[in-house]
Amino acid sequence: MFTPLQTFRTLLVRIGASEPCRQADPPLRESGIVIAALMTEAIHKRESEGHPTTLRQLHRMLDIAQPTALRIAHLLAREGVVQIDENMSDRFESSVRLSPETQRRFMAVVGENIAKEAV
């Protein structure tokens, strides 16, 4: 039986192996998968503190190029990990939040960690 964290890791591996969004985009390599995981963790941390997250903030927090942040966020959205509320006047001001399923997975991981600490 998969734990929520294993399920999440499996999802990230599947994203890395999937076809690129556009033909010009290379598929995610190991570093892209790491950035996707860090991006998801950054969004989770900000949401748990009650703060919204924009693509511009992600690019600055993770110190990655804006096109890279946009591409990885869209890959995560396509896989259902995050949801993007598009800002039509400035794409990098688009809000990014965890999907309900990803939020549930994070809560399950937190619950497992608390249970392990209690033992």
PDB file of N, CA and C in Angstrom:
ATOM      1  N   MET A   1       0.841  -1.186   0.000  1.00  0.00           N
ATOM      2  CA  MET A   1       0.000   0.000   0.000  1.00  0.00           C
ATOM      3  C   MET A   1       0.880   1.241   0.000  1.00  0.00           C
ATOM      4  N   PHE A   2       0.551   2.181  -0.877  1.00  0.00           N
ATOM      5  CA  PHE A   2       1.314   3.416  -0.969  1.00  0.00           C
ATOM      6  C   PHE A   2       0.953   4.359   0.163  1.00  0.00           C
ATOM      7  N   THR A   3       1.972   5.008   0.698  1.00  0.00           N
ATOM      8  CA  THR A   3       1.703   6.104   1.612  1.00  0.00           C
ATOM      9  C   THR A   3       1.478   7.340   0.757  1.00  0.00           C
ATOM     10  N   PRO A   4       0.869   8.387   1.292  1.00  0.00           N
ATOM     11  CA  PRO A   4       0.629   9.595   0.490  1.00  0.00           C
ATOM     12  C   PRO A   4       1.913  10.171  -0.108  1.00  0.00           C
ATOM     13  N   LEU A   5       3.023  10.100   0.629  1.00  0.00           N
ATOM     14  CA  LEU A   5       4.267  10.653   0.107  1.00  0.00           C
ATOM     15  C   LEU A   5       4.759   9.821  -1.071  1.00  0.00           C
ATOM     16  N   GLN A   6       4.644   8.494  -0.990  1.00  0.00           N
ATOM     17  CA  GLN A   6       5.034   7.654  -2.121  1.00  0.00           C
ATOM     18  C   GLN A   6       4.148   7.936  -3.330  1.00  0.00           C
ATOM     19  N   THR A   7       2.871   8.136  -3.102  1.00  0.00           N
ATOM     20  CA  THR A   7       1.957   8.459  -4.190  1.00  0.00           C
ATOM     21  C   THR A   7       2.370   9.767  -4.843  1.00  0.00           C
ATOM     22  N   PHE A   8       2.741  10.751  -4.044  1.00  0.00           N
ATOM     23  CA  PHE A   8       3.170  12.044  -4.564  1.00  0.00           C
ATOM     24  C   PHE A   8       4.460  11.900  -5.357  1.00  0.00           C
ATOM     25  N   ARG A   9       5.401  11.110  -4.833  1.00  0.00           N
ATOM     26  CA  ARG A   9       6.658  10.881  -5.559  1.00  0.00           C
ATOM     27  C   ARG A   9       6.386  10.187  -6.892  1.00  0.00           C
ATOM     28  N   THR A  10       5.486   9.218  -6.890  1.00  0.00           N
ATOM     29  CA  THR A  10       5.125   8.521  -8.116  1.00  0.00           C
ATOM     30  C   THR A  10       4.548   9.495  -9.132  1.00  0.00           C
ATOM     31  N   LEU A  11       3.719  10.423  -8.666  1.00  0.00           N
ATOM     32  CA  LEU A  11       3.141  11.433  -9.544  1.00  0.00           C
ATOM     33  C   LEU A  11       4.226  12.313 -10.153  1.00  0.00           C
ATOM     34  N   LEU A  12       5.198  12.725  -9.331  1.00  0.00           N
ATOM     35  CA  LEU A  12       6.280  13.571  -9.838  1.00  0.00           C
ATOM     36  C   LEU A  12       7.129  12.821 -10.863  1.00  0.00           C
ATOM     37  N   VAL A  13       7.359  11.533 -10.646  1.00  0.00           N
ATOM     38  CA  VAL A  13       8.111  10.743 -11.619  1.00  0.00           C
ATOM     39  C   VAL A  13       7.334  10.657 -12.928  1.00  0.00           C
ATOM     40  N   ARG A  14       6.005  10.476 -12.835  1.00  0.00           N
ATOM     41  CA  ARG A  14       5.180  10.406 -14.034  1.00  0.00           C
ATOM     42  C   ARG A  14       5.223  11.723 -14.799  1.00  0.00           C
ATOM     43  N   ILE A  15       5.241  12.851 -14.095  1.00  0.00           N
ATOM     44  CA  ILE A  15       5.331  14.155 -14.759  1.00  0.00           C
ATOM     45  C   ILE A  15       6.649  14.243 -15.517  1.00  0.00           C
ATOM     46  N   GLY A  16       7.720  13.783 -14.900  1.00  0.00           N
ATOM     47  CA  GLY A  16       9.027  13.836 -15.542  1.00  0.00           C
ATOM     48  C   GLY A  16       9.100  12.985 -16.793  1.00  0.00           C
ATOM     49  N   ALA A  17       8.330  11.916 -16.849  1.00  0.00           N
ATOM     50  CA  ALA A  17       8.362  11.013 -17.995  1.00  0.00           C
ATOM     51  C   ALA A  17       7.328  11.376 -19.056  1.00  0.00           C
ATOM     52  N   SER A  18       6.454  12.334 -18.771  1.00  0.00           N
ATOM     53  CA  SER A  18       5.381  12.665 -19.704  1.00  0.00           C
ATOM     54  C   SER A  18       5.902  13.460 -20.894  1.00  0.00           C
ATOM     55  N   GLU A  19       5.068  13.540 -21.903  1.00  0.00           N
ATOM     56  CA  GLU A  19       5.407  14.314 -23.094  1.00  0.00           C
ATOM     57  C   GLU A  19       5.496  15.789 -22.715  1.00  0.00           C
ATOM     58  N   PRO A  20       6.381  16.546 -23.359  1.00  0.00           N
ATOM     59  CA  PRO A  20       6.484  17.978 -23.088  1.00  0.00           C
ATOM     60  C   PRO A  20       5.210  18.715 -23.496  1.00  0.00           C
ATOM     61  N   CYS A  21       5.000  19.900 -22.903  1.00  0.00           N
ATOM     62  CA  CYS A  21       3.830  20.714 -23.224  1.00  0.00           C
ATOM     63  C   CYS A  21       3.857  21.147 -24.681  1.00  0.00           C
ATOM     64  N   ARG A  22       4.983  21.564 -25.135  1.00  0.00           N
ATOM     65  CA  ARG A  22       5.175  21.984 -26.525  1.00  0.00           C
ATOM     66  C   ARG A  22       6.377  21.221 -27.058  1.00  0.00           C
ATOM     67  N   GLN A  23       6.470  21.078 -28.351  1.00  0.00           N
ATOM     68  CA  GLN A  23       7.579  20.330 -28.902  1.00  0.00           C
ATOM     69  C   GLN A  23       8.926  20.944 -28.557  1.00  0.00           C
ATOM     70  N   ALA A  24       8.978  22.239 -28.387  1.00  0.00           N
ATOM     71  CA  ALA A  24      10.236  22.905 -28.067  1.00  0.00           C
ATOM     72  C   ALA A  24      10.677  22.645 -26.634  1.00  0.00           C
ATOM     73  N   ASP A  25       9.747  22.204 -25.757  1.00  0.00           N
ATOM     74  CA  ASP A  25      10.076  21.982 -24.360  1.00  0.00           C
ATOM     75  C   ASP A  25      10.651  20.584 -24.159  1.00  0.00           C
ATOM     76  N   PRO A  26      11.834  20.479 -23.550  1.00  0.00           N
ATOM     77  CA  PRO A  26      12.342  19.142 -23.241  1.00  0.00           C
ATOM     78  C   PRO A  26      11.558  18.565 -22.060  1.00  0.00           C
ATOM     79  N   PRO A  27      11.469  17.248 -21.959  1.00  0.00           N
ATOM     80  CA  PRO A  27      10.787  16.669 -20.795  1.00  0.00           C
ATOM     81  C   PRO A  27      11.572  16.989 -19.521  1.00  0.00           C
ATOM     82  N   LEU A  28      10.896  16.911 -18.390  1.00  0.00           N
ATOM     83  CA  LEU A  28      11.567  17.195 -17.125  1.00  0.00           C
ATOM     84  C   LEU A  28      12.634  16.142 -16.854  1.00  0.00           C
ATOM     85  N   ARG A  29      13.774  16.594 -16.510  1.00  0.00           N
ATOM     86  CA  ARG A  29      14.841  15.705 -16.074  1.00  0.00           C
ATOM     87  C   ARG A  29      14.804  15.687 -14.549  1.00  0.00           C
ATOM     88  N   GLU A  30      15.772  15.055 -13.950  1.00  0.00           N
ATOM     89  CA  GLU A  30      15.786  14.944 -12.496  1.00  0.00           C
ATOM     90  C   GLU A  30      15.736  16.313 -11.820  1.00  0.00           C
ATOM     91  N   SER A  31      16.481  17.290 -12.358  1.00  0.00           N
ATOM     92  CA  SER A  31      16.471  18.627 -11.742  1.00  0.00           C
ATOM     93  C   SER A  31      15.088  19.264 -11.846  1.00  0.00           C
ATOM     94  N   GLY A  32      14.368  19.028 -12.947  1.00  0.00           N
ATOM     95  CA  GLY A  32      13.019  19.563 -13.094  1.00  0.00           C
ATOM     96  C   GLY A  32      12.058  18.950 -12.108  1.00  0.00           C
ATOM     97  N   ILE A  33      12.233  17.659 -11.843  1.00  0.00           N
ATOM     98  CA  ILE A  33      11.379  16.991 -10.864  1.00  0.00           C
ATOM     99  C   ILE A  33      11.645  17.563  -9.473  1.00  0.00           C
ATOM    100  N   VAL A  34      12.890  17.836  -9.172  1.00  0.00           N
ATOM    101  CA  VAL A  34      13.237  18.444  -7.883  1.00  0.00           C
ATOM    102  C   VAL A  34      12.607  19.827  -7.781  1.00  0.00           C
ATOM    103  N   ILE A  35      12.689  20.613  -8.848  1.00  0.00           N
ATOM    104  CA  ILE A  35      12.089  21.950  -8.834  1.00  0.00           C
ATOM    105  C   ILE A  35      10.578  21.840  -8.665  1.00  0.00           C
ATOM    106  N   ALA A  36       9.948  20.872  -9.332  1.00  0.00           N
ATOM    107  CA  ALA A  36       8.500  20.683  -9.184  1.00  0.00           C
ATOM    108  C   ALA A  36       8.144  20.358  -7.739  1.00  0.00           C
ATOM    109  N   ALA A  37       8.936  19.500  -7.100  1.00  0.00           N
ATOM    110  CA  ALA A  37       8.691  19.157  -5.697  1.00  0.00           C
ATOM    111  C   ALA A  37       8.894  20.372  -4.797  1.00  0.00           C
ATOM    112  N   LEU A  38       9.957  21.140  -5.048  1.00  0.00           N
ATOM    113  CA  LEU A  38      10.209  22.342  -4.252  1.00  0.00           C
ATOM    114  C   LEU A  38       9.111  23.382  -4.456  1.00  0.00           C
ATOM    115  N   MET A  39       8.625  23.490  -5.692  1.00  0.00           N
ATOM    116  CA  MET A  39       7.548  24.431  -5.985  1.00  0.00           C
ATOM    117  C   MET A  39       6.287  24.040  -5.211  1.00  0.00           C
ATOM    118  N   THR A  40       5.975  22.758  -5.229  1.00  0.00           N
ATOM    119  CA  THR A  40       4.792  22.279  -4.515  1.00  0.00           C
ATOM    120  C   THR A  40       4.939  22.526  -3.013  1.00  0.00           C
ATOM    121  N   GLU A  41       6.110  22.265  -2.478  1.00  0.00           N
ATOM    122  CA  GLU A  41       6.361  22.494  -1.052  1.00  0.00           C
ATOM    123  C   GLU A  41       6.266  23.984  -0.711  1.00  0.00           C
ATOM    124  N   ALA A  42       6.780  24.842  -1.585  1.00  0.00           N
ATOM    125  CA  ALA A  42       6.715  26.292  -1.346  1.00  0.00           C
ATOM    126  C   ALA A  42       5.265  26.778  -1.332  1.00  0.00           C
ATOM    127  N   ILE A  43       4.467  26.278  -2.263  1.00  0.00           N
ATOM    128  CA  ILE A  43       3.052  26.657  -2.300  1.00  0.00           C
ATOM    129  C   ILE A  43       2.360  26.178  -1.030  1.00  0.00           C
ATOM    130  N   HIS A  44       2.653  24.949  -0.622  1.00  0.00           N
ATOM    131  CA  HIS A  44       2.045  24.396   0.605  1.00  0.00           C
ATOM    132  C   HIS A  44       2.419  25.239   1.824  1.00  0.00           C
ATOM    133  N   LYS A  45       3.690  25.602   1.932  1.00  0.00           N
ATOM    134  CA  LYS A  45       4.137  26.400   3.080  1.00  0.00           C
ATOM    135  C   LYS A  45       3.417  27.747   3.110  1.00  0.00           C
ATOM    136  N   ARG A  46       3.333  28.416   1.963  1.00  0.00           N
ATOM    137  CA  ARG A  46       2.659  29.717   1.926  1.00  0.00           C
ATOM    138  C   ARG A  46       1.173  29.573   2.240  1.00  0.00           C
ATOM    139  N   GLU A  47       0.535  28.530   1.703  1.00  0.00           N
ATOM    140  CA  GLU A  47      -0.890  28.322   1.986  1.00  0.00           C
ATOM    141  C   GLU A  47      -1.116  28.042   3.464  1.00  0.00           C
ATOM    142  N   SER A  48      -0.224  27.271   4.079  1.00  0.00           N
ATOM    143  CA  SER A  48      -0.390  26.962   5.500  1.00  0.00           C
ATOM    144  C   SER A  48      -0.217  28.202   6.368  1.00  0.00           C
ATOM    145  N   GLU A  49       0.490  29.207   5.843  1.00  0.00           N
ATOM    146  CA  GLU A  49       0.654  30.486   6.542  1.00  0.00           C
ATOM    147  C   GLU A  49      -0.432  31.485   6.158  1.00  0.00           C
ATOM    148  N   GLY A  50      -1.330  31.085   5.250  1.00  0.00           N
ATOM    149  CA  GLY A  50      -2.438  31.941   4.852  1.00  0.00           C
ATOM    150  C   GLY A  50      -2.113  32.937   3.756  1.00  0.00           C
ATOM    151  N   HIS A  51      -1.036  32.689   2.992  1.00  0.00           N
ATOM    152  CA  HIS A  51      -0.621  33.615   1.934  1.00  0.00           C
ATOM    153  C   HIS A  51      -0.904  33.024   0.556  1.00  0.00           C
ATOM    154  N   PRO A  52      -1.399  33.857  -0.375  1.00  0.00           N
ATOM    155  CA  PRO A  52      -1.529  33.386  -1.759  1.00  0.00           C
ATOM    156  C   PRO A  52      -0.145  33.346  -2.407  1.00  0.00           C
ATOM    157  N   THR A  53      -0.021  32.631  -3.512  1.00  0.00           N
ATOM    158  CA  THR A  53       1.256  32.502  -4.210  1.00  0.00           C
ATOM    159  C   THR A  53       1.055  32.796  -5.689  1.00  0.00           C
ATOM    160  N   THR A  54       1.926  33.629  -6.247  1.00  0.00           N
ATOM    161  CA  THR A  54       1.883  33.915  -7.677  1.00  0.00           C
ATOM    162  C   THR A  54       3.070  33.233  -8.359  1.00  0.00           C
ATOM    163  N   LEU A  55       2.981  33.120  -9.662  1.00  0.00           N
ATOM    164  CA  LEU A  55       4.103  32.552 -10.420  1.00  0.00           C
ATOM    165  C   LEU A  55       5.371  33.385 -10.242  1.00  0.00           C
ATOM    166  N   ARG A  56       5.215  34.699 -10.170  1.00  0.00           N
ATOM    167  CA  ARG A  56       6.379  35.572  -9.973  1.00  0.00           C
ATOM    168  C   ARG A  56       7.050  35.281  -8.632  1.00  0.00           C
ATOM    169  N   GLN A  57       6.255  35.079  -7.599  1.00  0.00           N
ATOM    170  CA  GLN A  57       6.828  34.758  -6.291  1.00  0.00           C
ATOM    171  C   GLN A  57       7.567  33.419  -6.331  1.00  0.00           C
ATOM    172  N   LEU A  58       6.997  32.445  -7.028  1.00  0.00           N
ATOM    173  CA  LEU A  58       7.657  31.140  -7.128  1.00  0.00           C
ATOM    174  C   LEU A  58       8.999  31.267  -7.846  1.00  0.00           C
ATOM    175  N   HIS A  59       9.025  32.031  -8.921  1.00  0.00           N
ATOM    176  CA  HIS A  59      10.285  32.184  -9.659  1.00  0.00           C
ATOM    177  C   HIS A  59      11.341  32.859  -8.790  1.00  0.00           C
ATOM    178  N   ARG A  60      10.933  33.798  -7.965  1.00  0.00           N
ATOM    179  CA  ARG A  60      11.887  34.474  -7.079  1.00  0.00           C
ATOM    180  C   ARG A  60      12.309  33.578  -5.915  1.00  0.00           C
ATOM    181  N   MET A  61      11.345  32.894  -5.287  1.00  0.00           N
ATOM    182  CA  MET A  61      11.663  32.044  -4.135  1.00  0.00           C
ATOM    183  C   MET A  61      12.587  30.896  -4.516  1.00  0.00           C
ATOM    184  N   LEU A  62      12.347  30.309  -5.680  1.00  0.00           N
ATOM    185  CA  LEU A  62      13.123  29.143  -6.102  1.00  0.00           C
ATOM    186  C   LEU A  62      14.352  29.513  -6.933  1.00  0.00           C
ATOM    187  N   ASP A  63      14.486  30.817  -7.235  1.00  0.00           N
ATOM    188  CA  ASP A  63      15.610  31.321  -8.010  1.00  0.00           C
ATOM    189  C   ASP A  63      15.721  30.585  -9.351  1.00  0.00           C
ATOM    190  N   ILE A  64      14.594  30.547 -10.052  1.00  0.00           N
ATOM    191  CA  ILE A  64      14.546  29.941 -11.379  1.00  0.00           C
ATOM    192  C   ILE A  64      14.011  30.974 -12.361  1.00  0.00           C
ATOM    193  N   ALA A  65      14.273  30.762 -13.634  1.00  0.00           N
ATOM    194  CA  ALA A  65      13.801  31.687 -14.664  1.00  0.00           C
ATOM    195  C   ALA A  65      12.276  31.691 -14.713  1.00  0.00           C
ATOM    196  N   GLN A  66      11.692  32.828 -15.091  1.00  0.00           N
ATOM    197  CA  GLN A  66      10.234  32.916 -15.179  1.00  0.00           C
ATOM    198  C   GLN A  66       9.638  31.877 -16.134  1.00  0.00           C
ATOM    199  N   PRO A  67      10.226  31.671 -17.320  1.00  0.00           N
ATOM    200  CA  PRO A  67       9.649  30.644 -18.197  1.00  0.00           C
ATOM    201  C   PRO A  67       9.693  29.243 -17.590  1.00  0.00           C
ATOM    202  N   THR A  68      10.740  28.957 -16.821  1.00  0.00           N
ATOM    203  CA  THR A  68      10.839  27.655 -16.152  1.00  0.00           C
ATOM    204  C   THR A  68       9.744  27.524 -15.105  1.00  0.00           C
ATOM    205  N   ALA A  69       9.536  28.566 -14.317  1.00  0.00           N
ATOM    206  CA  ALA A  69       8.472  28.536 -13.308  1.00  0.00           C
ATOM    207  C   ALA A  69       7.111  28.338 -13.966  1.00  0.00           C
ATOM    208  N   LEU A  70       6.887  29.040 -15.063  1.00  0.00           N
ATOM    209  CA  LEU A  70       5.621  28.927 -15.782  1.00  0.00           C
ATOM    210  C   LEU A  70       5.433  27.517 -16.336  1.00  0.00           C
ATOM    211  N   ARG A  71       6.456  26.982 -16.962  1.00  0.00           N
ATOM    212  CA  ARG A  71       6.373  25.649 -17.558  1.00  0.00           C
ATOM    213  C   ARG A  71       6.107  24.579 -16.507  1.00  0.00           C
ATOM    214  N   ILE A  72       6.849  24.613 -15.412  1.00  0.00           N
ATOM    215  CA  ILE A  72       6.670  23.586 -14.387  1.00  0.00           C
ATOM    216  C   ILE A  72       5.321  23.733 -13.705  1.00  0.00           C
ATOM    217  N   ALA A  73       4.887  24.957 -13.456  1.00  0.00           N
ATOM    218  CA  ALA A  73       3.560  25.158 -12.855  1.00  0.00           C
ATOM    219  C   ALA A  73       2.468  24.603 -13.769  1.00  0.00           C
ATOM    220  N   HIS A  74       2.601  24.811 -15.067  1.00  0.00           N
ATOM    221  CA  HIS A  74       1.594  24.288 -15.997  1.00  0.00           C
ATOM    222  C   HIS A  74       1.638  22.763 -16.079  1.00  0.00           C
ATOM    223  N   LEU A  75       2.820  22.176 -15.978  1.00  0.00           N
ATOM    224  CA  LEU A  75       2.918  20.715 -15.918  1.00  0.00           C
ATOM    225  C   LEU A  75       2.228  20.185 -14.660  1.00  0.00           C
ATOM    226  N   LEU A  76       2.473  20.847 -13.532  1.00  0.00           N
ATOM    227  CA  LEU A  76       1.832  20.436 -12.282  1.00  0.00           C
ATOM    228  C   LEU A  76       0.316  20.605 -12.363  1.00  0.00           C
ATOM    229  N   ALA A  77      -0.128  21.677 -13.013  1.00  0.00           N
ATOM    230  CA  ALA A  77      -1.570  21.893 -13.176  1.00  0.00           C
ATOM    231  C   ALA A  77      -2.176  20.823 -14.071  1.00  0.00           C
ATOM    232  N   ARG A  78      -1.484  20.476 -15.136  1.00  0.00           N
ATOM    233  CA  ARG A  78      -1.979  19.443 -16.049  1.00  0.00           C
ATOM    234  C   ARG A  78      -2.136  18.095 -15.341  1.00  0.00           C
ATOM    235  N   GLU A  79      -1.264  17.825 -14.370  1.00  0.00           N
ATOM    236  CA  GLU A  79      -1.320  16.569 -13.617  1.00  0.00           C
ATOM    237  C   GLU A  79      -2.248  16.649 -12.408  1.00  0.00           C
ATOM    238  N   GLY A  80      -2.834  17.822 -12.167  1.00  0.00           N
ATOM    239  CA  GLY A  80      -3.780  17.961 -11.071  1.00  0.00           C
ATOM    240  C   GLY A  80      -3.150  18.217  -9.713  1.00  0.00           C
ATOM    241  N   VAL A  81      -1.878  18.573  -9.687  1.00  0.00           N
ATOM    242  CA  VAL A  81      -1.191  18.851  -8.421  1.00  0.00           C
ATOM    243  C   VAL A  81      -1.531  20.246  -7.926  1.00  0.00           C
ATOM    244  N   VAL A  82      -1.580  21.214  -8.851  1.00  0.00           N
ATOM    245  CA  VAL A  82      -1.906  22.600  -8.503  1.00  0.00           C
ATOM    246  C   VAL A  82      -3.027  23.090  -9.401  1.00  0.00           C
ATOM    247  N   GLN A  83      -3.588  24.228  -9.016  1.00  0.00           N
ATOM    248  CA  GLN A  83      -4.569  24.925  -9.836  1.00  0.00           C
ATOM    249  C   GLN A  83      -4.046  26.333 -10.057  1.00  0.00           C
ATOM    250  N   ILE A  84      -4.189  26.817 -11.277  1.00  0.00           N
ATOM    251  CA  ILE A  84      -3.706  28.157 -11.624  1.00  0.00           C
ATOM    252  C   ILE A  84      -4.897  29.029 -11.975  1.00  0.00           C
ATOM    253  N   ASP A  85      -5.017  30.154 -11.286  1.00  0.00           N
ATOM    254  CA  ASP A  85      -6.021  31.165 -11.613  1.00  0.00           C
ATOM    255  C   ASP A  85      -5.320  32.199 -12.482  1.00  0.00           C
ATOM    256  N   GLU A  86      -5.578  32.131 -13.777  1.00  0.00           N
ATOM    257  CA  GLU A  86      -4.865  32.964 -14.742  1.00  0.00           C
ATOM    258  C   GLU A  86      -5.186  34.448 -14.567  1.00  0.00           C
ATOM    259  N   ASN A  87      -4.151  35.264 -14.633  1.00  0.00           N
ATOM    260  CA  ASN A  87      -4.277  36.711 -14.683  1.00  0.00           C
ATOM    261  C   ASN A  87      -3.987  37.100 -16.129  1.00  0.00           C
ATOM    262  N   MET A  88      -4.996  37.551 -16.840  1.00  0.00           N
ATOM    263  CA  MET A  88      -4.848  37.811 -18.268  1.00  0.00           C
ATOM    264  C   MET A  88      -3.954  39.010 -18.589  1.00  0.00           C
ATOM    265  N   SER A  89      -3.803  39.947 -17.665  1.00  0.00           N
ATOM    266  CA  SER A  89      -2.971  41.114 -17.949  1.00  0.00           C
ATOM    267  C   SER A  89      -1.494  40.851 -17.653  1.00  0.00           C
ATOM    268  N   ASP A  90      -1.177  39.917 -16.762  1.00  0.00           N
ATOM    269  CA  ASP A  90       0.207  39.586 -16.426  1.00  0.00           C
ATOM    270  C   ASP A  90       0.254  38.122 -15.998  1.00  0.00           C
ATOM    271  N   ARG A  91       0.764  37.272 -16.875  1.00  0.00           N
ATOM    272  CA  ARG A  91       0.770  35.832 -16.599  1.00  0.00           C
ATOM    273  C   ARG A  91       1.486  35.482 -15.304  1.00  0.00           C
ATOM    274  N   PHE A  92       2.508  36.255 -14.940  1.00  0.00           N
ATOM    275  CA  PHE A  92       3.286  35.927 -13.757  1.00  0.00           C
ATOM    276  C   PHE A  92       2.626  36.401 -12.463  1.00  0.00           C
ATOM    277  N   GLU A  93       1.517  37.110 -12.587  1.00  0.00           N
ATOM    278  CA  GLU A  93       0.709  37.446 -11.416  1.00  0.00           C
ATOM    279  C   GLU A  93      -0.435  36.444 -11.239  1.00  0.00           C
ATOM    280  N   SER A  94      -0.439  35.403 -12.058  1.00  0.00           N
ATOM    281  CA  SER A  94      -1.433  34.340 -11.908  1.00  0.00           C
ATOM    282  C   SER A  94      -1.230  33.655 -10.565  1.00  0.00           C
ATOM    283  N   SER A  95      -2.321  33.383  -9.896  1.00  0.00           N
ATOM    284  CA  SER A  95      -2.282  32.741  -8.586  1.00  0.00           C
ATOM    285  C   SER A  95      -2.179  31.231  -8.751  1.00  0.00           C
ATOM    286  N   VAL A  96      -1.323  30.616  -7.952  1.00  0.00           N
ATOM    287  CA  VAL A  96      -1.130  29.169  -7.979  1.00  0.00           C
ATOM    288  C   VAL A  96      -1.468  28.627  -6.603  1.00  0.00           C
ATOM    289  N   ARG A  97      -2.302  27.594  -6.567  1.00  0.00           N
ATOM    290  CA  ARG A  97      -2.655  26.983  -5.280  1.00  0.00           C
ATOM    291  C   ARG A  97      -2.693  25.468  -5.449  1.00  0.00           C
ATOM    292  N   LEU A  98      -2.558  24.765  -4.345  1.00  0.00           N
ATOM    293  CA  LEU A  98      -2.606  23.307  -4.379  1.00  0.00           C
ATOM    294  C   LEU A  98      -4.019  22.846  -4.702  1.00  0.00           C
ATOM    295  N   SER A  99      -4.114  21.766  -5.442  1.00  0.00           N
ATOM    296  CA  SER A  99      -5.433  21.183  -5.711  1.00  0.00           C
ATOM    297  C   SER A  99      -5.957  20.555  -4.418  1.00  0.00           C
ATOM    298  N   PRO A 100      -7.253  20.342  -4.314  1.00  0.00           N
ATOM    299  CA  PRO A 100      -7.794  19.696  -3.112  1.00  0.00           C
ATOM    300  C   PRO A 100      -7.165  18.322  -2.850  1.00  0.00           C
ATOM    301  N   GLU A 101      -6.889  17.567  -3.901  1.00  0.00           N
ATOM    302  CA  GLU A 101      -6.269  16.244  -3.734  1.00  0.00           C
ATOM    303  C   GLU A 101      -4.858  16.367  -3.167  1.00  0.00           C
ATOM    304  N   THR A 102      -4.092  17.333  -3.649  1.00  0.00           N
ATOM    305  CA  THR A 102      -2.734  17.534  -3.139  1.00  0.00           C
ATOM    306  C   THR A 102      -2.780  18.009  -1.690  1.00  0.00           C
ATOM    307  N   GLN A 103      -3.733  18.881  -1.363  1.00  0.00           N
ATOM    308  CA  GLN A 103      -3.890  19.308   0.030  1.00  0.00           C
ATOM    309  C   GLN A 103      -4.185  18.110   0.925  1.00  0.00           C
ATOM    310  N   ARG A 104      -5.047  17.202   0.447  1.00  0.00           N
ATOM    311  CA  ARG A 104      -5.380  16.006   1.211  1.00  0.00           C
ATOM    312  C   ARG A 104      -4.132  15.136   1.421  1.00  0.00           C
ATOM    313  N   ARG A 105      -3.312  15.024   0.387  1.00  0.00           N
ATOM    314  CA  ARG A 105      -2.081  14.228   0.499  1.00  0.00           C
ATOM    315  C   ARG A 105      -1.124  14.829   1.518  1.00  0.00           C
ATOM    316  N   PHE A 106      -0.970  16.152   1.496  1.00  0.00           N
ATOM    317  CA  PHE A 106      -0.103  16.802   2.484  1.00  0.00           C
ATOM    318  C   PHE A 106      -0.632  16.574   3.898  1.00  0.00           C
ATOM    319  N   MET A 107      -1.947  16.675   4.076  1.00  0.00           N
ATOM    320  CA  MET A 107      -2.521  16.453   5.405  1.00  0.00           C
ATOM    321  C   MET A 107      -2.282  15.010   5.867  1.00  0.00           C
ATOM    322  N   ALA A 108      -2.372  14.055   4.951  1.00  0.00           N
ATOM    323  CA  ALA A 108      -2.120  12.658   5.304  1.00  0.00           C
ATOM    324  C   ALA A 108      -0.665  12.452   5.714  1.00  0.00           C
ATOM    325  N   VAL A 109       0.259  13.102   5.010  1.00  0.00           N
ATOM    326  CA  VAL A 109       1.682  12.990   5.357  1.00  0.00           C
ATOM    327  C   VAL A 109       1.927  13.591   6.733  1.00  0.00           C
ATOM    328  N   VAL A 110       1.328  14.737   6.995  1.00  0.00           N
ATOM    329  CA  VAL A 110       1.477  15.369   8.313  1.00  0.00           C
ATOM    330  C   VAL A 110       0.923  14.433   9.390  1.00  0.00           C
ATOM    331  N   GLY A 111      -0.228  13.830   9.133  1.00  0.00           N
ATOM    332  CA  GLY A 111      -0.807  12.900  10.092  1.00  0.00           C
ATOM    333  C   GLY A 111       0.093  11.697  10.340  1.00  0.00           C
ATOM    334  N   GLU A 112       0.693  11.161   9.281  1.00  0.00           N
ATOM    335  CA  GLU A 112       1.616  10.034   9.434  1.00  0.00           C
ATOM    336  C   GLU A 112       2.828  10.437  10.256  1.00  0.00           C
ATOM    337  N   ASN A 113       3.366  11.631   9.998  1.00  0.00           N
ATOM    338  CA  ASN A 113       4.524  12.096  10.750  1.00  0.00           C
ATOM    339  C   ASN A 113       4.215  12.273  12.225  1.00  0.00           C
ATOM    340  N   ILE A 114       3.032  12.780  12.528  1.00  0.00           N
ATOM    341  CA  ILE A 114       2.627  12.946  13.921  1.00  0.00           C
ATOM    342  C   ILE A 114       2.486  11.586  14.586  1.00  0.00           C
ATOM    343  N   ALA A 115       1.900  10.626  13.858  1.00  0.00           N
ATOM    344  CA  ALA A 115       1.733   9.276  14.414  1.00  0.00           C
ATOM    345  C   ALA A 115       3.082   8.612  14.682  1.00  0.00           C
ATOM    346  N   LYS A 116       4.032   8.802  13.786  1.00  0.00           N
ATOM    347  CA  LYS A 116       5.370   8.217  13.971  1.00  0.00           C
ATOM    348  C   LYS A 116       6.080   8.824  15.174  1.00  0.00           C
ATOM    349  N   GLU A 117       5.910  10.139  15.362  1.00  0.00           N
ATOM    350  CA  GLU A 117       6.534  10.818  16.497  1.00  0.00           C
ATOM    351  C   GLU A 117       5.944  10.372  17.824  1.00  0.00           C
ATOM    352  N   ALA A 118       4.659   9.999  17.809  1.00  0.00           N
ATOM    353  CA  ALA A 118       3.995   9.573  19.040  1.00  0.00           C
ATOM    354  C   ALA A 118       4.447   8.194  19.486  1.00  0.00           C
ATOM    355  N   VAL A 119       5.000   7.422  18.565  1.00  0.00           N
ATOM    356  CA  VAL A 119       5.432   6.033  18.898  1.00  0.00           C
ATOM    357  C   VAL A 119       6.725   6.015  19.585  1.00  0.00           C
TER     358      VAL A 119
END
